[in-house]
Amino acid sequence: MNNKPRYEIIIYWSKEDDAFVAEVPELAGCAADGETYQAALANVEVVIEEWIETAVANGRNIPTPKGKLMFA
């Protein structure tokens, strides 16, 4: 079984960027883009790993994934 953290990822089309954008709300500033939905998802998975590695190296807290988030 995969032991990677499972954070909620929000993917949407950005007309301004002419790309799909994938954001991870629980990890401040963690986002990536791609020409396709699949590319944005693959890119953000790499960025999540890098975000966590950087946080660990700097002694910062790693948020526990909460699953589906609710926003109004």
C-alpha atoms as a PDB file:
ATOM      1  CA  MET A   1       0.000   0.000   0.000  1.00  0.00           C
ATOM      2  CA  ASN A   2       1.142   3.539  -0.760  1.00  0.00           C
ATOM      3  CA  ASN A   3       2.240   5.455   2.368  1.00  0.00           C
ATOM      4  CA  LYS A   4       2.251   8.867   0.697  1.00  0.00           C
ATOM      5  CA  PRO A   5       0.065  11.533   2.335  1.00  0.00           C
ATOM      6  CA  ARG A   6      -3.280  11.974   0.601  1.00  0.00           C
ATOM      7  CA  TYR A   7      -4.171  15.639   0.426  1.00  0.00           C
ATOM      8  CA  GLU A   8      -7.190  17.070  -1.322  1.00  0.00           C
ATOM      9  CA  ILE A   9      -6.256  18.453  -4.751  1.00  0.00           C
ATOM     10  CA  ILE A  10      -8.428  20.972  -6.563  1.00  0.00           C
ATOM     11  CA  ILE A  11      -7.955  21.110 -10.338  1.00  0.00           C
ATOM     12  CA  TYR A  12      -9.490  23.788 -12.541  1.00  0.00           C
ATOM     13  CA  TRP A  13      -9.000  25.406 -15.925  1.00  0.00           C
ATOM     14  CA  SER A  14      -7.338  28.833 -15.857  1.00  0.00           C
ATOM     15  CA  LYS A  15      -8.160  30.835 -18.967  1.00  0.00           C
ATOM     16  CA  GLU A  16      -5.621  33.456 -17.875  1.00  0.00           C
ATOM     17  CA  ASP A  17      -2.817  30.867 -17.739  1.00  0.00           C
ATOM     18  CA  ASP A  18      -4.208  28.770 -20.609  1.00  0.00           C
ATOM     19  CA  ALA A  19      -3.584  25.698 -18.467  1.00  0.00           C
ATOM     20  CA  PHE A  20      -5.098  23.419 -15.865  1.00  0.00           C
ATOM     21  CA  VAL A  21      -4.098  24.431 -12.336  1.00  0.00           C
ATOM     22  CA  ALA A  22      -3.869  21.959  -9.443  1.00  0.00           C
ATOM     23  CA  GLU A  23      -3.862  23.406  -5.913  1.00  0.00           C
ATOM     24  CA  VAL A  24      -3.393  21.695  -2.534  1.00  0.00           C
ATOM     25  CA  PRO A  25      -5.318  23.864  -0.024  1.00  0.00           C
ATOM     26  CA  GLU A  26      -3.770  22.237   3.063  1.00  0.00           C
ATOM     27  CA  LEU A  27      -0.198  23.012   1.934  1.00  0.00           C
ATOM     28  CA  ALA A  28       0.296  26.769   1.671  1.00  0.00           C
ATOM     29  CA  GLY A  29       1.474  27.790  -1.783  1.00  0.00           C
ATOM     30  CA  CYS A  30       1.483  24.225  -3.108  1.00  0.00           C
ATOM     31  CA  ALA A  31       0.267  24.307  -6.704  1.00  0.00           C
ATOM     32  CA  ALA A  32       1.242  23.247 -10.208  1.00  0.00           C
ATOM     33  CA  ASP A  33      -0.117  23.516 -13.717  1.00  0.00           C
ATOM     34  CA  GLY A  34      -0.200  21.505 -16.905  1.00  0.00           C
ATOM     35  CA  GLU A  35      -1.508  21.494 -20.451  1.00  0.00           C
ATOM     36  CA  THR A  36      -3.913  18.692 -19.545  1.00  0.00           C
ATOM     37  CA  TYR A  37      -5.812  17.666 -16.420  1.00  0.00           C
ATOM     38  CA  GLN A  38      -3.567  14.608 -16.117  1.00  0.00           C
ATOM     39  CA  ALA A  39      -0.387  16.679 -16.512  1.00  0.00           C
ATOM     40  CA  ALA A  40      -1.490  19.120 -13.816  1.00  0.00           C
ATOM     41  CA  LEU A  41      -2.205  16.207 -11.470  1.00  0.00           C
ATOM     42  CA  ALA A  42       1.146  14.532 -12.176  1.00  0.00           C
ATOM     43  CA  ASN A  43       2.976  17.837 -11.700  1.00  0.00           C
ATOM     44  CA  VAL A  44       1.285  18.643  -8.400  1.00  0.00           C
ATOM     45  CA  GLU A  45       2.117  15.170  -7.053  1.00  0.00           C
ATOM     46  CA  VAL A  46       5.813  16.017  -7.581  1.00  0.00           C
ATOM     47  CA  VAL A  47       5.340  19.440  -5.989  1.00  0.00           C
ATOM     48  CA  ILE A  48       3.642  17.882  -2.928  1.00  0.00           C
ATOM     49  CA  GLU A  49       6.701  15.666  -2.367  1.00  0.00           C
ATOM     50  CA  GLU A  50       9.025  18.659  -2.793  1.00  0.00           C
ATOM     51  CA  TRP A  51       6.869  20.780  -0.449  1.00  0.00           C
ATOM     52  CA  ILE A  52       7.086  18.103   2.256  1.00  0.00           C
ATOM     53  CA  GLU A  53      10.850  17.591   1.758  1.00  0.00           C
ATOM     54  CA  THR A  54      11.439  21.343   2.076  1.00  0.00           C
ATOM     55  CA  ALA A  55       9.248  21.606   5.172  1.00  0.00           C
ATOM     56  CA  VAL A  56      11.113  18.708   6.836  1.00  0.00           C
ATOM     57  CA  ALA A  57      14.490  20.248   5.962  1.00  0.00           C
ATOM     58  CA  ASN A  58      13.395  23.533   7.537  1.00  0.00           C
ATOM     59  CA  GLY A  59      11.893  21.926  10.653  1.00  0.00           C
ATOM     60  CA  ARG A  60       8.335  22.967   9.776  1.00  0.00           C
ATOM     61  CA  ASN A  61       5.133  21.117  10.624  1.00  0.00           C
ATOM     62  CA  ILE A  62       3.641  18.832   7.995  1.00  0.00           C
ATOM     63  CA  PRO A  63      -0.174  19.087   8.137  1.00  0.00           C
ATOM     64  CA  THR A  64      -2.034  15.817   8.557  1.00  0.00           C
ATOM     65  CA  PRO A  65      -4.311  15.313   5.534  1.00  0.00           C
ATOM     66  CA  LYS A  66      -7.923  15.989   6.501  1.00  0.00           C
ATOM     67  CA  GLY A  67      -9.559  14.500   3.440  1.00  0.00           C
ATOM     68  CA  LYS A  68     -12.356  16.355   1.722  1.00  0.00           C
ATOM     69  CA  LEU A  69     -12.471  19.979   2.775  1.00  0.00           C
ATOM     70  CA  MET A  70     -15.577  22.136   2.796  1.00  0.00           C
ATOM     71  CA  PHE A  71     -15.427  25.726   1.558  1.00  0.00           C
ATOM     72  CA  ALA A  72     -18.270  28.206   1.365  1.00  0.00           C
END
